[in-house]
C-alpha atoms as a PDB file:
ATOM      1  CA  UNK A   1      10.653 -14.996   2.350  1.00  0.00           C
ATOM      2  CA  UNK A   2      13.536 -12.916   3.660  1.00  0.00           C
ATOM      3  CA  UNK A   3      15.722 -13.690   6.671  1.00  0.00           C
ATOM      4  CA  UNK A   4      13.880 -11.236   8.913  1.00  0.00           C
ATOM      5  CA  UNK A   5      10.554 -13.004   8.479  1.00  0.00           C
ATOM      6  CA  UNK A   6      12.230 -16.399   8.680  1.00  0.00           C
ATOM      7  CA  UNK A   7      13.695 -15.490  12.065  1.00  0.00           C
ATOM      8  CA  UNK A   8      10.728 -13.556  13.457  1.00  0.00           C
ATOM      9  CA  UNK A   9      10.783 -15.614  16.686  1.00  0.00           C
ATOM     10  CA  UNK A  10      14.318 -14.357  17.454  1.00  0.00           C
ATOM     11  CA  UNK A  11      13.304 -10.696  17.495  1.00  0.00           C
ATOM     12  CA  UNK A  12      13.887  -9.029  20.854  1.00  0.00           C
ATOM     13  CA  UNK A  13      15.121  -5.742  22.294  1.00  0.00           C
ATOM     14  CA  UNK A  14      16.967  -4.374  25.298  1.00  0.00           C
ATOM     15  CA  UNK A  15      15.486  -2.591  28.295  1.00  0.00           C
ATOM     16  CA  UNK A  16      16.782   0.702  26.914  1.00  0.00           C
ATOM     17  CA  UNK A  17      15.289  -0.202  23.540  1.00  0.00           C
ATOM     18  CA  UNK A  18      11.858  -0.715  25.106  1.00  0.00           C
ATOM     19  CA  UNK A  19      11.921   2.814  26.519  1.00  0.00           C
ATOM     20  CA  UNK A  20      13.174   4.357  23.281  1.00  0.00           C
ATOM     21  CA  UNK A  21      10.610   2.542  21.116  1.00  0.00           C
ATOM     22  CA  UNK A  22       7.764   3.294  23.532  1.00  0.00           C
ATOM     23  CA  UNK A  23       8.695   6.993  23.539  1.00  0.00           C
ATOM     24  CA  UNK A  24       9.222   7.277  19.746  1.00  0.00           C
ATOM     25  CA  UNK A  25       5.962   5.528  18.846  1.00  0.00           C
ATOM     26  CA  UNK A  26       4.029   7.005  21.789  1.00  0.00           C
ATOM     27  CA  UNK A  27       2.971   3.545  23.038  1.00  0.00           C
ATOM     28  CA  UNK A  28       1.174   3.076  26.358  1.00  0.00           C
ATOM     29  CA  UNK A  29       3.004   1.376  29.231  1.00  0.00           C
ATOM     30  CA  UNK A  30       0.656  -1.610  28.900  1.00  0.00           C
ATOM     31  CA  UNK A  31       1.768  -2.343  25.306  1.00  0.00           C
ATOM     32  CA  UNK A  32       4.250  -5.208  24.770  1.00  0.00           C
ATOM     33  CA  UNK A  33       6.815  -3.351  22.662  1.00  0.00           C
ATOM     34  CA  UNK A  34       8.384  -6.425  21.016  1.00  0.00           C
ATOM     35  CA  UNK A  35       4.973  -7.885  20.123  1.00  0.00           C
ATOM     36  CA  UNK A  36       3.894  -4.512  18.712  1.00  0.00           C
ATOM     37  CA  UNK A  37       7.010  -4.312  16.522  1.00  0.00           C
ATOM     38  CA  UNK A  38       6.635  -7.927  15.351  1.00  0.00           C
ATOM     39  CA  UNK A  39       3.011  -7.182  14.448  1.00  0.00           C
ATOM     40  CA  UNK A  40       4.172  -4.180  12.382  1.00  0.00           C
ATOM     41  CA  UNK A  41       6.731  -6.378  10.591  1.00  0.00           C
ATOM     42  CA  UNK A  42       4.074  -9.010   9.843  1.00  0.00           C
ATOM     43  CA  UNK A  43       1.562  -6.575   8.309  1.00  0.00           C
ATOM     44  CA  UNK A  44       0.643  -7.360   4.715  1.00  0.00           C
ATOM     45  CA  UNK A  45       1.675  -3.883   3.581  1.00  0.00           C
ATOM     46  CA  UNK A  46       5.051  -3.900   5.375  1.00  0.00           C
ATOM     47  CA  UNK A  47       8.024  -3.140   3.126  1.00  0.00           C
ATOM     48  CA  UNK A  48      11.204  -4.800   4.404  1.00  0.00           C
ATOM     49  CA  UNK A  49      14.619  -3.730   3.151  1.00  0.00           C
ATOM     50  CA  UNK A  50      18.149  -4.496   4.253  1.00  0.00           C
ATOM     51  CA  UNK A  51      20.761  -1.786   4.323  1.00  0.00           C
ATOM     52  CA  UNK A  52      24.184  -2.615   5.708  1.00  0.00           C
ATOM     53  CA  UNK A  53      23.833  -4.495   8.988  1.00  0.00           C
ATOM     54  CA  UNK A  54      20.188  -3.565   9.589  1.00  0.00           C
ATOM     55  CA  UNK A  55      16.737  -4.552   8.424  1.00  0.00           C
ATOM     56  CA  UNK A  56      14.192  -1.750   8.011  1.00  0.00           C
ATOM     57  CA  UNK A  57      10.504  -2.632   8.160  1.00  0.00           C
ATOM     58  CA  UNK A  58       8.150   0.183   7.158  1.00  0.00           C
ATOM     59  CA  UNK A  59       4.382   0.035   7.445  1.00  0.00           C
ATOM     60  CA  UNK A  60       1.631   2.595   8.022  1.00  0.00           C
ATOM     61  CA  UNK A  61       4.072   5.392   8.772  1.00  0.00           C
ATOM     62  CA  UNK A  62       6.207   3.439  11.247  1.00  0.00           C
ATOM     63  CA  UNK A  63       9.772   2.238  10.678  1.00  0.00           C
ATOM     64  CA  UNK A  64      11.246  -0.578  12.760  1.00  0.00           C
ATOM     65  CA  UNK A  65      15.050  -1.011  12.666  1.00  0.00           C
ATOM     66  CA  UNK A  66      16.362  -4.504  13.461  1.00  0.00           C
ATOM     67  CA  UNK A  67      20.003  -5.655  13.585  1.00  0.00           C
ATOM     68  CA  UNK A  68      20.414  -8.336  10.913  1.00  0.00           C
ATOM     69  CA  UNK A  69      22.778 -10.521  12.961  1.00  0.00           C
ATOM     70  CA  UNK A  70      21.301 -10.467  16.468  1.00  0.00           C
ATOM     71  CA  UNK A  71      17.656  -9.694  15.529  1.00  0.00           C
ATOM     72  CA  UNK A  72      17.627  -6.980  18.192  1.00  0.00           C
ATOM     73  CA  UNK A  73      15.157  -4.161  17.594  1.00  0.00           C
ATOM     74  CA  UNK A  74      17.400  -1.116  17.695  1.00  0.00           C
ATOM     75  CA  UNK A  75      14.739   1.541  17.395  1.00  0.00           C
ATOM     76  CA  UNK A  76      11.378   2.386  15.910  1.00  0.00           C
ATOM     77  CA  UNK A  77      10.075   5.720  14.785  1.00  0.00           C
ATOM     78  CA  UNK A  78       7.323   7.453  12.898  1.00  0.00           C
ATOM     79  CA  UNK A  79       8.161   8.047   9.265  1.00  0.00           C
ATOM     80  CA  UNK A  80       8.985  11.640   8.366  1.00  0.00           C
ATOM     81  CA  UNK A  81       7.090  11.167   5.075  1.00  0.00           C
ATOM     82  CA  UNK A  82       3.713  11.582   6.765  1.00  0.00           C
END
């Protein structure tokens, strides 16, 4: 298990992050953005990599970027590979 999964309960984001993630992933206002991102990270097919100071979790065409020190979700986006 990697550090991201081992610290899944620490994952959070900022108010600005909520808006950015919601907009990038086209999520409804009723969706809990942090829970949605955690669910993406926990998917069986999620590929988690660490590059520099960030974790990248990619699953089903979505990429979640998480700071590896603070466990703050920085952004999320649709993969350009689709």
